[in-house]
PDB file of N, CA and C in Angstrom:
ATOM      1  N   MET A   1       0.860  -1.171   0.000  1.00  0.00           N
ATOM      2  CA  MET A   1       0.000   0.000   0.000  1.00  0.00           C
ATOM      3  C   MET A   1       0.899   1.224   0.000  1.00  0.00           C
ATOM      4  N   ARG A   2       0.634   2.129  -0.908  1.00  0.00           N
ATOM      5  CA  ARG A   2       1.407   3.364  -0.995  1.00  0.00           C
ATOM      6  C   ARG A   2       0.533   4.536  -0.600  1.00  0.00           C
ATOM      7  N   LEU A   3       1.061   5.398   0.251  1.00  0.00           N
ATOM      8  CA  LEU A   3       0.358   6.603   0.662  1.00  0.00           C
ATOM      9  C   LEU A   3       1.074   7.803   0.062  1.00  0.00           C
ATOM     10  N   GLY A   4       0.330   8.674  -0.577  1.00  0.00           N
ATOM     11  CA  GLY A   4       0.913   9.872  -1.153  1.00  0.00           C
ATOM     12  C   GLY A   4       1.199  10.914  -0.091  1.00  0.00           C
ATOM     13  N   ASP A   5       1.978  11.903  -0.470  1.00  0.00           N
ATOM     14  CA  ASP A   5       2.305  12.991   0.451  1.00  0.00           C
ATOM     15  C   ASP A   5       1.084  13.830   0.797  1.00  0.00           C
ATOM     16  N   ASP A   6       0.007  13.709   0.002  1.00  0.00           N
ATOM     17  CA  ASP A   6      -1.189  14.507   0.245  1.00  0.00           C
ATOM     18  C   ASP A   6      -2.160  13.832   1.215  1.00  0.00           C
ATOM     19  N   ILE A   7      -1.777  12.678   1.768  1.00  0.00           N
ATOM     20  CA  ILE A   7      -2.622  11.992   2.747  1.00  0.00           C
ATOM     21  C   ILE A   7      -2.325  12.586   4.119  1.00  0.00           C
ATOM     22  N   GLY A   8      -3.339  13.090   4.775  1.00  0.00           N
ATOM     23  CA  GLY A   8      -3.112  13.676   6.083  1.00  0.00           C
ATOM     24  C   GLY A   8      -4.402  14.136   6.727  1.00  0.00           C
ATOM     25  N   GLY A   9      -4.301  14.611   7.938  1.00  0.00           N
ATOM     26  CA  GLY A   9      -5.462  15.071   8.683  1.00  0.00           C
ATOM     27  C   GLY A   9      -6.144  13.927   9.395  1.00  0.00           C
ATOM     28  N   PRO A  10      -7.044  14.240  10.313  1.00  0.00           N
ATOM     29  CA  PRO A  10      -7.676  13.203  11.121  1.00  0.00           C
ATOM     30  C   PRO A  10      -8.507  12.204  10.318  1.00  0.00           C
ATOM     31  N   SER A  11      -9.087  12.634   9.191  1.00  0.00           N
ATOM     32  CA  SER A  11      -9.919  11.706   8.434  1.00  0.00           C
ATOM     33  C   SER A  11      -9.085  10.662   7.694  1.00  0.00           C
ATOM     34  N   ALA A  12      -7.784  10.833   7.650  1.00  0.00           N
ATOM     35  CA  ALA A  12      -6.891   9.847   7.031  1.00  0.00           C
ATOM     36  C   ALA A  12      -6.403   8.815   8.038  1.00  0.00           C
ATOM     37  N   GLY A  13      -6.884   8.875   9.269  1.00  0.00           N
ATOM     38  CA  GLY A  13      -6.398   7.983  10.321  1.00  0.00           C
ATOM     39  C   GLY A  13      -6.503   6.511   9.987  1.00  0.00           C
ATOM     40  N   LEU A  14      -7.661   6.078   9.505  1.00  0.00           N
ATOM     41  CA  LEU A  14      -7.842   4.664   9.181  1.00  0.00           C
ATOM     42  C   LEU A  14      -6.917   4.237   8.047  1.00  0.00           C
ATOM     43  N   ILE A  15      -6.899   4.982   6.956  1.00  0.00           N
ATOM     44  CA  ILE A  15      -6.082   4.606   5.806  1.00  0.00           C
ATOM     45  C   ILE A  15      -4.602   4.652   6.163  1.00  0.00           C
ATOM     46  N   PHE A  16      -4.182   5.647   6.907  1.00  0.00           N
ATOM     47  CA  PHE A  16      -2.787   5.724   7.331  1.00  0.00           C
ATOM     48  C   PHE A  16      -2.432   4.513   8.197  1.00  0.00           C
ATOM     49  N   SER A  17      -3.312   4.145   9.123  1.00  0.00           N
ATOM     50  CA  SER A  17      -3.082   2.981   9.991  1.00  0.00           C
ATOM     51  C   SER A  17      -2.993   1.689   9.179  1.00  0.00           C
ATOM     52  N   LEU A  18      -3.856   1.565   8.173  1.00  0.00           N
ATOM     53  CA  LEU A  18      -3.799   0.381   7.308  1.00  0.00           C
ATOM     54  C   LEU A  18      -2.489   0.345   6.524  1.00  0.00           C
ATOM     55  N   GLY A  19      -2.013   1.500   6.091  1.00  0.00           N
ATOM     56  CA  GLY A  19      -0.733   1.569   5.393  1.00  0.00           C
ATOM     57  C   GLY A  19       0.416   1.112   6.274  1.00  0.00           C
ATOM     58  N   VAL A  20       0.403   1.525   7.535  1.00  0.00           N
ATOM     59  CA  VAL A  20       1.436   1.102   8.480  1.00  0.00           C
ATOM     60  C   VAL A  20       1.330  -0.411   8.706  1.00  0.00           C
ATOM     61  N   TYR A  21       0.118  -0.896   8.927  1.00  0.00           N
ATOM     62  CA  TYR A  21      -0.099  -2.336   9.130  1.00  0.00           C
ATOM     63  C   TYR A  21       0.428  -3.124   7.932  1.00  0.00           C
ATOM     64  N   ASP A  22       0.083  -2.683   6.732  1.00  0.00           N
ATOM     65  CA  ASP A  22       0.495  -3.382   5.517  1.00  0.00           C
ATOM     66  C   ASP A  22       2.011  -3.391   5.371  1.00  0.00           C
ATOM     67  N   THR A  23       2.658  -2.299   5.749  1.00  0.00           N
ATOM     68  CA  THR A  23       4.109  -2.204   5.662  1.00  0.00           C
ATOM     69  C   THR A  23       4.796  -3.141   6.653  1.00  0.00           C
ATOM     70  N   LEU A  24       4.209  -3.297   7.824  1.00  0.00           N
ATOM     71  CA  LEU A  24       4.850  -4.082   8.888  1.00  0.00           C
ATOM     72  C   LEU A  24       4.507  -5.568   8.878  1.00  0.00           C
ATOM     73  N   THR A  25       3.602  -5.974   8.016  1.00  0.00           N
ATOM     74  CA  THR A  25       3.211  -7.383   7.958  1.00  0.00           C
ATOM     75  C   THR A  25       3.573  -7.954   6.587  1.00  0.00           C
ATOM     76  N   PRO A  26       3.799  -9.268   6.530  1.00  0.00           N
ATOM     77  CA  PRO A  26       4.181  -9.868   5.240  1.00  0.00           C
ATOM     78  C   PRO A  26       3.030  -9.861   4.231  1.00  0.00           C
ATOM     79  N   GLY A  27       3.381  -9.791   2.963  1.00  0.00           N
ATOM     80  CA  GLY A  27       2.383  -9.856   1.897  1.00  0.00           C
ATOM     81  C   GLY A  27       1.656  -8.551   1.706  1.00  0.00           C
ATOM     82  N   SER A  28       0.743  -8.576   0.736  1.00  0.00           N
ATOM     83  CA  SER A  28      -0.061  -7.403   0.422  1.00  0.00           C
ATOM     84  C   SER A  28      -1.437  -7.537   1.062  1.00  0.00           C
ATOM     85  N   LEU A  29      -1.806  -6.583   1.879  1.00  0.00           N
ATOM     86  CA  LEU A  29      -3.099  -6.604   2.561  1.00  0.00           C
ATOM     87  C   LEU A  29      -4.254  -6.594   1.574  1.00  0.00           C
ATOM     88  N   THR A  30      -4.124  -5.862   0.502  1.00  0.00           N
ATOM     89  CA  THR A  30      -5.232  -5.711  -0.445  1.00  0.00           C
ATOM     90  C   THR A  30      -5.143  -6.653  -1.640  1.00  0.00           C
ATOM     91  N   GLY A  31      -4.066  -7.401  -1.739  1.00  0.00           N
ATOM     92  CA  GLY A  31      -3.896  -8.260  -2.899  1.00  0.00           C
ATOM     93  C   GLY A  31      -3.807  -7.476  -4.193  1.00  0.00           C
ATOM     94  N   GLY A  32      -3.421  -6.218  -4.100  1.00  0.00           N
ATOM     95  CA  GLY A  32      -3.293  -5.374  -5.273  1.00  0.00           C
ATOM     96  C   GLY A  32      -4.562  -4.626  -5.646  1.00  0.00           C
ATOM     97  N   ALA A  33      -5.649  -4.862  -4.920  1.00  0.00           N
ATOM     98  CA  ALA A  33      -6.911  -4.173  -5.214  1.00  0.00           C
ATOM     99  C   ALA A  33      -6.788  -2.693  -4.886  1.00  0.00           C
ATOM    100  N   ASN A  34      -7.444  -1.874  -5.667  1.00  0.00           N
ATOM    101  CA  ASN A  34      -7.486  -0.433  -5.455  1.00  0.00           C
ATOM    102  C   ASN A  34      -8.592  -0.153  -4.444  1.00  0.00           C
ATOM    103  N   ILE A  35      -8.204   0.240  -3.229  1.00  0.00           N
ATOM    104  CA  ILE A  35      -9.179   0.504  -2.169  1.00  0.00           C
ATOM    105  C   ILE A  35      -9.039   1.941  -1.695  1.00  0.00           C
ATOM    106  N   ALA A  36     -10.090   2.415  -1.042  1.00  0.00           N
ATOM    107  CA  ALA A  36     -10.082   3.752  -0.458  1.00  0.00           C
ATOM    108  C   ALA A  36     -10.890   3.698   0.833  1.00  0.00           C
ATOM    109  N   GLY A  37     -10.848   4.754   1.570  1.00  0.00           N
ATOM    110  CA  GLY A  37     -11.626   4.810   2.796  1.00  0.00           C
ATOM    111  C   GLY A  37     -11.308   6.067   3.565  1.00  0.00           C
ATOM    112  N   THR A  38     -11.963   6.194   4.680  1.00  0.00           N
ATOM    113  CA  THR A  38     -11.775   7.369   5.512  1.00  0.00           C
ATOM    114  C   THR A  38     -12.195   7.039   6.935  1.00  0.00           C
ATOM    115  N   GLY A  39     -11.834   7.873   7.844  1.00  0.00           N
ATOM    116  CA  GLY A  39     -12.236   7.716   9.238  1.00  0.00           C
ATOM    117  C   GLY A  39     -11.113   8.101  10.180  1.00  0.00           C
ATOM    118  N   THR A  40     -11.501   8.703  11.280  1.00  0.00           N
ATOM    119  CA  THR A  40     -10.524   8.974  12.325  1.00  0.00           C
ATOM    120  C   THR A  40     -10.191   7.631  12.978  1.00  0.00           C
ATOM    121  N   ILE A  41      -9.116   7.581  13.711  1.00  0.00           N
ATOM    122  CA  ILE A  41      -8.754   6.344  14.410  1.00  0.00           C
ATOM    123  C   ILE A  41      -8.408   6.690  15.847  1.00  0.00           C
ATOM    124  N   SER A  42      -8.974   5.929  16.778  1.00  0.00           N
ATOM    125  CA  SER A  42      -8.691   6.164  18.193  1.00  0.00           C
ATOM    126  C   SER A  42      -7.530   5.269  18.626  1.00  0.00           C
ATOM    127  N   ALA A  43      -7.015   5.521  19.809  1.00  0.00           N
ATOM    128  CA  ALA A  43      -5.893   4.745  20.325  1.00  0.00           C
ATOM    129  C   ALA A  43      -6.228   3.259  20.442  1.00  0.00           C
ATOM    130  N   ASP A  44      -7.501   2.937  20.648  1.00  0.00           N
ATOM    131  CA  ASP A  44      -7.887   1.526  20.766  1.00  0.00           C
ATOM    132  C   ASP A  44      -8.366   0.940  19.435  1.00  0.00           C
ATOM    133  N   GLY A  45      -8.192   1.693  18.331  1.00  0.00           N
ATOM    134  CA  GLY A  45      -8.493   1.166  17.010  1.00  0.00           C
ATOM    135  C   GLY A  45      -9.898   1.388  16.502  1.00  0.00           C
ATOM    136  N   ARG A  46     -10.722   2.129  17.242  1.00  0.00           N
ATOM    137  CA  ARG A  46     -12.077   2.424  16.756  1.00  0.00           C
ATOM    138  C   ARG A  46     -12.025   3.473  15.652  1.00  0.00           C
ATOM    139  N   VAL A  47     -12.884   3.295  14.645  1.00  0.00           N
ATOM    140  CA  VAL A  47     -12.949   4.224  13.515  1.00  0.00           C
ATOM    141  C   VAL A  47     -14.084   5.218  13.764  1.00  0.00           C
ATOM    142  N   GLY A  48     -13.740   6.505  13.692  1.00  0.00           N
ATOM    143  CA  GLY A  48     -14.715   7.546  13.976  1.00  0.00           C
ATOM    144  C   GLY A  48     -15.155   8.284  12.722  1.00  0.00           C
ATOM    145  N   PRO A  49     -16.252   9.045  12.841  1.00  0.00           N
ATOM    146  CA  PRO A  49     -16.859   9.734  11.695  1.00  0.00           C
ATOM    147  C   PRO A  49     -16.022  10.902  11.187  1.00  0.00           C
ATOM    148  N   ILE A  50     -16.329  11.259   9.951  1.00  0.00           N
ATOM    149  CA  ILE A  50     -15.657  12.374   9.274  1.00  0.00           C
ATOM    150  C   ILE A  50     -16.700  13.176   8.503  1.00  0.00           C
ATOM    151  N   GLY A  51     -16.288  14.262   7.902  1.00  0.00           N
ATOM    152  CA  GLY A  51     -17.173  15.052   7.061  1.00  0.00           C
ATOM    153  C   GLY A  51     -16.906  14.786   5.589  1.00  0.00           C
ATOM    154  N   GLY A  52     -17.866  15.116   4.738  1.00  0.00           N
ATOM    155  CA  GLY A  52     -17.689  15.022   3.301  1.00  0.00           C
ATOM    156  C   GLY A  52     -17.641  13.611   2.753  1.00  0.00           C
ATOM    157  N   ILE A  53     -18.316  12.678   3.389  1.00  0.00           N
ATOM    158  CA  ILE A  53     -18.235  11.270   2.985  1.00  0.00           C
ATOM    159  C   ILE A  53     -18.702  11.049   1.546  1.00  0.00           C
ATOM    160  N   GLN A  54     -19.796  11.695   1.151  1.00  0.00           N
ATOM    161  CA  GLN A  54     -20.323  11.456  -0.194  1.00  0.00           C
ATOM    162  C   GLN A  54     -19.331  11.894  -1.273  1.00  0.00           C
ATOM    163  N   GLN A  55     -18.712  13.025  -1.087  1.00  0.00           N
ATOM    164  CA  GLN A  55     -17.746  13.523  -2.055  1.00  0.00           C
ATOM    165  C   GLN A  55     -16.517  12.616  -2.111  1.00  0.00           C
ATOM    166  N   LYS A  56     -16.092  12.109  -0.968  1.00  0.00           N
ATOM    167  CA  LYS A  56     -14.926  11.218  -0.927  1.00  0.00           C
ATOM    168  C   LYS A  56     -15.221   9.900  -1.649  1.00  0.00           C
ATOM    169  N   ILE A  57     -16.422   9.401  -1.498  1.00  0.00           N
ATOM    170  CA  ILE A  57     -16.798   8.154  -2.163  1.00  0.00           C
ATOM    171  C   ILE A  57     -16.830   8.347  -3.680  1.00  0.00           C
ATOM    172  N   VAL A  58     -17.431   9.428  -4.140  1.00  0.00           N
ATOM    173  CA  VAL A  58     -17.494   9.700  -5.583  1.00  0.00           C
ATOM    174  C   VAL A  58     -16.080   9.840  -6.148  1.00  0.00           C
ATOM    175  N   ALA A  59     -15.227  10.566  -5.459  1.00  0.00           N
ATOM    176  CA  ALA A  59     -13.844  10.745  -5.926  1.00  0.00           C
ATOM    177  C   ALA A  59     -13.110   9.413  -5.976  1.00  0.00           C
ATOM    178  N   ALA A  60     -13.325   8.568  -4.968  1.00  0.00           N
ATOM    179  CA  ALA A  60     -12.671   7.255  -4.939  1.00  0.00           C
ATOM    180  C   ALA A  60     -13.163   6.376  -6.085  1.00  0.00           C
ATOM    181  N   ALA A  61     -14.460   6.379  -6.333  1.00  0.00           N
ATOM    182  CA  ALA A  61     -15.013   5.591  -7.439  1.00  0.00           C
ATOM    183  C   ALA A  61     -14.464   6.099  -8.770  1.00  0.00           C
ATOM    184  N   ASP A  62     -14.395   7.413  -8.929  1.00  0.00           N
ATOM    185  CA  ASP A  62     -13.852   7.998 -10.157  1.00  0.00           C
ATOM    186  C   ASP A  62     -12.382   7.617 -10.360  1.00  0.00           C
ATOM    187  N   ALA A  63     -11.659   7.399  -9.250  1.00  0.00           N
ATOM    188  CA  ALA A  63     -10.241   7.030  -9.315  1.00  0.00           C
ATOM    189  C   ALA A  63     -10.051   5.526  -9.496  1.00  0.00           C
ATOM    190  N   GLY A  64     -11.145   4.769  -9.517  1.00  0.00           N
ATOM    191  CA  GLY A  64     -11.051   3.332  -9.762  1.00  0.00           C
ATOM    192  C   GLY A  64     -11.056   2.441  -8.544  1.00  0.00           C
ATOM    193  N   ALA A  65     -11.304   2.994  -7.361  1.00  0.00           N
ATOM    194  CA  ALA A  65     -11.361   2.155  -6.154  1.00  0.00           C
ATOM    195  C   ALA A  65     -12.540   1.197  -6.242  1.00  0.00           C
ATOM    196  N   LYS A  66     -12.332  -0.022  -5.788  1.00  0.00           N
ATOM    197  CA  LYS A  66     -13.377  -1.046  -5.794  1.00  0.00           C
ATOM    198  C   LYS A  66     -14.075  -1.147  -4.446  1.00  0.00           C
ATOM    199  N   ILE A  67     -13.387  -0.728  -3.390  1.00  0.00           N
ATOM    200  CA  ILE A  67     -13.926  -0.758  -2.017  1.00  0.00           C
ATOM    201  C   ILE A  67     -13.698   0.603  -1.387  1.00  0.00           C
ATOM    202  N   PHE A  68     -14.675   1.043  -0.601  1.00  0.00           N
ATOM    203  CA  PHE A  68     -14.511   2.247   0.206  1.00  0.00           C
ATOM    204  C   PHE A  68     -14.864   1.883   1.635  1.00  0.00           C
ATOM    205  N   LEU A  69     -13.902   2.018   2.545  1.00  0.00           N
ATOM    206  CA  LEU A  69     -14.117   1.733   3.965  1.00  0.00           C
ATOM    207  C   LEU A  69     -14.804   2.931   4.618  1.00  0.00           C
ATOM    208  N   VAL A  70     -15.950   2.674   5.242  1.00  0.00           N
ATOM    209  CA  VAL A  70     -16.808   3.731   5.776  1.00  0.00           C
ATOM    210  C   VAL A  70     -16.931   3.608   7.298  1.00  0.00           C
ATOM    211  N   PRO A  71     -16.727   4.702   8.039  1.00  0.00           N
ATOM    212  CA  PRO A  71     -17.005   4.670   9.472  1.00  0.00           C
ATOM    213  C   PRO A  71     -18.495   4.393   9.694  1.00  0.00           C
ATOM    214  N   PRO A  72     -18.855   3.563  10.674  1.00  0.00           N
ATOM    215  CA  PRO A  72     -20.267   3.233  10.897  1.00  0.00           C
ATOM    216  C   PRO A  72     -21.177   4.448  11.035  1.00  0.00           C
ATOM    217  N   ALA A  73     -20.704   5.489  11.696  1.00  0.00           N
ATOM    218  CA  ALA A  73     -21.536   6.680  11.894  1.00  0.00           C
ATOM    219  C   ALA A  73     -21.804   7.432  10.590  1.00  0.00           C
ATOM    220  N   ASN A  74     -21.055   7.127   9.542  1.00  0.00           N
ATOM    221  CA  ASN A  74     -21.247   7.781   8.247  1.00  0.00           C
ATOM    222  C   ASN A  74     -22.004   6.915   7.239  1.00  0.00           C
ATOM    223  N   CYS A  75     -22.414   5.715   7.632  1.00  0.00           N
ATOM    224  CA  CYS A  75     -23.059   4.802   6.680  1.00  0.00           C
ATOM    225  C   CYS A  75     -24.332   5.381   6.066  1.00  0.00           C
ATOM    226  N   ASP A  76     -25.200   5.967   6.860  1.00  0.00           N
ATOM    227  CA  ASP A  76     -26.449   6.503   6.310  1.00  0.00           C
ATOM    228  C   ASP A  76     -26.173   7.535   5.223  1.00  0.00           C
ATOM    229  N   SER A  77     -25.273   8.442   5.487  1.00  0.00           N
ATOM    230  CA  SER A  77     -24.932   9.466   4.507  1.00  0.00           C
ATOM    231  C   SER A  77     -24.215   8.855   3.302  1.00  0.00           C
ATOM    232  N   ALA A  78     -23.364   7.874   3.536  1.00  0.00           N
ATOM    233  CA  ALA A  78     -22.604   7.230   2.462  1.00  0.00           C
ATOM    234  C   ALA A  78     -23.526   6.600   1.429  1.00  0.00           C
ATOM    235  N   LEU A  79     -24.652   6.078   1.883  1.00  0.00           N
ATOM    236  CA  LEU A  79     -25.591   5.425   0.980  1.00  0.00           C
ATOM    237  C   LEU A  79     -26.209   6.398  -0.033  1.00  0.00           C
ATOM    238  N   HIS A  80     -26.079   7.686   0.220  1.00  0.00           N
ATOM    239  CA  HIS A  80     -26.635   8.695  -0.681  1.00  0.00           C
ATOM    240  C   HIS A  80     -25.591   9.282  -1.632  1.00  0.00           C
ATOM    241  N   ALA A  81     -24.372   8.708  -1.627  1.00  0.00           N
ATOM    242  CA  ALA A  81     -23.348   9.170  -2.569  1.00  0.00           C
ATOM    243  C   ALA A  81     -23.801   8.840  -3.987  1.00  0.00           C
ATOM    244  N   ASP A  82     -23.431   9.668  -4.924  1.00  0.00           N
ATOM    245  CA  ASP A  82     -23.857   9.514  -6.317  1.00  0.00           C
ATOM    246  C   ASP A  82     -23.009   8.457  -7.043  1.00  0.00           C
ATOM    247  N   VAL A  83     -23.124   7.207  -6.560  1.00  0.00           N
ATOM    248  CA  VAL A  83     -22.444   6.045  -7.148  1.00  0.00           C
ATOM    249  C   VAL A  83     -23.412   4.869  -7.102  1.00  0.00           C
ATOM    250  N   THR A  84     -23.095   3.828  -7.848  1.00  0.00           N
ATOM    251  CA  THR A  84     -23.902   2.609  -7.796  1.00  0.00           C
ATOM    252  C   THR A  84     -23.110   1.508  -7.116  1.00  0.00           C
ATOM    253  N   LYS A  85     -23.792   0.440  -6.751  1.00  0.00           N
ATOM    254  CA  LYS A  85     -23.122  -0.711  -6.140  1.00  0.00           C
ATOM    255  C   LYS A  85     -22.099  -1.316  -7.085  1.00  0.00           C
ATOM    256  N   ASP A  86     -22.324  -1.164  -8.386  1.00  0.00           N
ATOM    257  CA  ASP A  86     -21.360  -1.668  -9.364  1.00  0.00           C
ATOM    258  C   ASP A  86     -20.109  -0.790  -9.427  1.00  0.00           C
ATOM    259  N   ASP A  87     -20.243   0.486  -9.037  1.00  0.00           N
ATOM    260  CA  ASP A  87     -19.106   1.402  -9.054  1.00  0.00           C
ATOM    261  C   ASP A  87     -18.125   1.107  -7.932  1.00  0.00           C
ATOM    262  N   ILE A  88     -18.658   0.944  -6.721  1.00  0.00           N
ATOM    263  CA  ILE A  88     -17.802   0.808  -5.539  1.00  0.00           C
ATOM    264  C   ILE A  88     -18.598   0.150  -4.414  1.00  0.00           C
ATOM    265  N   LEU A  89     -17.945  -0.705  -3.662  1.00  0.00           N
ATOM    266  CA  LEU A  89     -18.560  -1.398  -2.537  1.00  0.00           C
ATOM    267  C   LEU A  89     -18.296  -0.611  -1.260  1.00  0.00           C
ATOM    268  N   LEU A  90     -19.353  -0.255  -0.537  1.00  0.00           N
ATOM    269  CA  LEU A  90     -19.226   0.490   0.718  1.00  0.00           C
ATOM    270  C   LEU A  90     -19.133  -0.508   1.871  1.00  0.00           C
ATOM    271  N   VAL A  91     -17.948  -0.614   2.452  1.00  0.00           N
ATOM    272  CA  VAL A  91     -17.680  -1.578   3.515  1.00  0.00           C
ATOM    273  C   VAL A  91     -17.608  -0.851   4.849  1.00  0.00           C
ATOM    274  N   LYS A  92     -18.448  -1.282   5.778  1.00  0.00           N
ATOM    275  CA  LYS A  92     -18.462  -0.683   7.117  1.00  0.00           C
ATOM    276  C   LYS A  92     -17.212  -1.121   7.878  1.00  0.00           C
ATOM    277  N   ALA A  93     -16.481  -0.146   8.401  1.00  0.00           N
ATOM    278  CA  ALA A  93     -15.251  -0.411   9.145  1.00  0.00           C
ATOM    279  C   ALA A  93     -15.374   0.188  10.541  1.00  0.00           C
ATOM    280  N   ALA A  94     -15.779  -0.632  11.488  1.00  0.00           N
ATOM    281  CA  ALA A  94     -15.962  -0.148  12.861  1.00  0.00           C
ATOM    282  C   ALA A  94     -14.637  -0.002  13.603  1.00  0.00           C
ATOM    283  N   THR A  95     -13.675  -0.856  13.250  1.00  0.00           N
ATOM    284  CA  THR A  95     -12.370  -0.848  13.908  1.00  0.00           C
ATOM    285  C   THR A  95     -11.279  -1.127  12.886  1.00  0.00           C
ATOM    286  N   LEU A  96     -10.058  -0.833  13.261  1.00  0.00           N
ATOM    287  CA  LEU A  96      -8.922  -1.181  12.414  1.00  0.00           C
ATOM    288  C   LEU A  96      -8.900  -2.687  12.181  1.00  0.00           C
ATOM    289  N   LYS A  97      -9.160  -3.452  13.222  1.00  0.00           N
ATOM    290  CA  LYS A  97      -9.166  -4.913  13.122  1.00  0.00           C
ATOM    291  C   LYS A  97     -10.214  -5.398  12.112  1.00  0.00           C
ATOM    292  N   SER A  98     -11.406  -4.828  12.141  1.00  0.00           N
ATOM    293  CA  SER A  98     -12.446  -5.256  11.205  1.00  0.00           C
ATOM    294  C   SER A  98     -12.105  -4.830   9.776  1.00  0.00           C
ATOM    295  N   ALA A  99     -11.466  -3.675   9.623  1.00  0.00           N
ATOM    296  CA  ALA A  99     -11.048  -3.222   8.294  1.00  0.00           C
ATOM    297  C   ALA A  99     -10.000  -4.171   7.718  1.00  0.00           C
ATOM    298  N   VAL A 100      -9.044  -4.562   8.534  1.00  0.00           N
ATOM    299  CA  VAL A 100      -8.020  -5.524   8.096  1.00  0.00           C
ATOM    300  C   VAL A 100      -8.678  -6.834   7.684  1.00  0.00           C
ATOM    301  N   ALA A 101      -9.601  -7.330   8.498  1.00  0.00           N
ATOM    302  CA  ALA A 101     -10.290  -8.592   8.185  1.00  0.00           C
ATOM    303  C   ALA A 101     -11.058  -8.483   6.866  1.00  0.00           C
ATOM    304  N   SER A 102     -11.730  -7.369   6.646  1.00  0.00           N
ATOM    305  CA  SER A 102     -12.483  -7.176   5.405  1.00  0.00           C
ATOM    306  C   SER A 102     -11.559  -7.142   4.194  1.00  0.00           C
ATOM    307  N   LEU A 103     -10.445  -6.434   4.312  1.00  0.00           N
ATOM    308  CA  LEU A 103      -9.524  -6.343   3.186  1.00  0.00           C
ATOM    309  C   LEU A 103      -8.871  -7.686   2.877  1.00  0.00           C
ATOM    310  N   LYS A 104      -8.529  -8.444   3.916  1.00  0.00           N
ATOM    311  CA  LYS A 104      -7.964  -9.786   3.700  1.00  0.00           C
ATOM    312  C   LYS A 104      -8.992 -10.694   3.025  1.00  0.00           C
ATOM    313  N   ALA A 105     -10.234 -10.632   3.470  1.00  0.00           N
ATOM    314  CA  ALA A 105     -11.289 -11.456   2.877  1.00  0.00           C
ATOM    315  C   ALA A 105     -11.507 -11.076   1.419  1.00  0.00           C
ATOM    316  N   TYR A 106     -11.515  -9.783   1.120  1.00  0.00           N
ATOM    317  CA  TYR A 106     -11.707  -9.319  -0.251  1.00  0.00           C
ATOM    318  C   TYR A 106     -10.541  -9.747  -1.143  1.00  0.00           C
ATOM    319  N   ALA A 107      -9.318  -9.662  -0.609  1.00  0.00           N
ATOM    320  CA  ALA A 107      -8.138 -10.052  -1.391  1.00  0.00           C
ATOM    321  C   ALA A 107      -8.206 -11.534  -1.767  1.00  0.00           C
ATOM    322  N   GLN A 108      -8.752 -12.360  -0.878  1.00  0.00           N
ATOM    323  CA  GLN A 108      -8.884 -13.791  -1.154  1.00  0.00           C
ATOM    324  C   GLN A 108     -10.059 -14.088  -2.073  1.00  0.00           C
ATOM    325  N   ASP A 109     -11.145 -13.311  -1.932  1.00  0.00           N
ATOM    326  CA  ASP A 109     -12.356 -13.556  -2.721  1.00  0.00           C
ATOM    327  C   ASP A 109     -13.135 -12.250  -2.879  1.00  0.00           C
ATOM    328  N   PRO A 110     -13.037 -11.600  -4.037  1.00  0.00           N
ATOM    329  CA  PRO A 110     -13.737 -10.327  -4.244  1.00  0.00           C
ATOM    330  C   PRO A 110     -15.257 -10.409  -4.059  1.00  0.00           C
ATOM    331  N   SER A 111     -15.815 -11.605  -4.057  1.00  0.00           N
ATOM    332  CA  SER A 111     -17.259 -11.726  -3.816  1.00  0.00           C
ATOM    333  C   SER A 111     -17.563 -12.113  -2.371  1.00  0.00           C
ATOM    334  N   ALA A 112     -16.579 -12.009  -1.490  1.00  0.00           N
ATOM    335  CA  ALA A 112     -16.772 -12.330  -0.071  1.00  0.00           C
ATOM    336  C   ALA A 112     -17.874 -11.461   0.529  1.00  0.00           C
ATOM    337  N   ASP A 113     -18.565 -12.012   1.505  1.00  0.00           N
ATOM    338  CA  ASP A 113     -19.622 -11.270   2.213  1.00  0.00           C
ATOM    339  C   ASP A 113     -18.976 -10.375   3.261  1.00  0.00           C
ATOM    340  N   LEU A 114     -18.898  -9.093   2.980  1.00  0.00           N
ATOM    341  CA  LEU A 114     -18.255  -8.125   3.869  1.00  0.00           C
ATOM    342  C   LEU A 114     -19.307  -7.285   4.567  1.00  0.00           C
ATOM    343  N   PRO A 115     -18.981  -6.770   5.764  1.00  0.00           N
ATOM    344  CA  PRO A 115     -19.931  -5.886   6.448  1.00  0.00           C
ATOM    345  C   PRO A 115     -20.154  -4.637   5.600  1.00  0.00           C
ATOM    346  N   SER A 116     -21.390  -4.331   5.300  1.00  0.00           N
ATOM    347  CA  SER A 116     -21.635  -3.200   4.409  1.00  0.00           C
ATOM    348  C   SER A 116     -22.598  -2.207   5.031  1.00  0.00           C
ATOM    349  N   CYS A 117     -22.579  -1.023   4.470  1.00  0.00           N
ATOM    350  CA  CYS A 117     -23.569  -0.020   4.844  1.00  0.00           C
ATOM    351  C   CYS A 117     -24.869  -0.406   4.151  1.00  0.00           C
ATOM    352  N   ARG A 118     -25.940  -0.467   4.897  1.00  0.00           N
ATOM    353  CA  ARG A 118     -27.250  -0.859   4.315  1.00  0.00           C
ATOM    354  C   ARG A 118     -28.314   0.085   4.776  1.00  0.00           C
TER     355      ARG A 118
END
């Protein structure tokens, strides 16, 4: 996982944490899949809400991301982003641990049943 120099701020907490995890563990966490997401991260690994979720999802879909990790508190708003289920999969990420599990499952099987915003 590569993070650009433009990744920063509290809403990048989850993605930054996943980047660190991926760097420190063997293999590729995403299996090469183009993923995106957002969320603050607490010291105990809980993913917190952010602003601008709909715009971030549209931008991620436009950039080719197949999965977007969504903080649970943002799921209702995320469902109103101007994208279709075929464009991008909205995966609920309550914790860093659950996000890692979802990404590993997706890397093994892109049709895996992942926790989603509904």
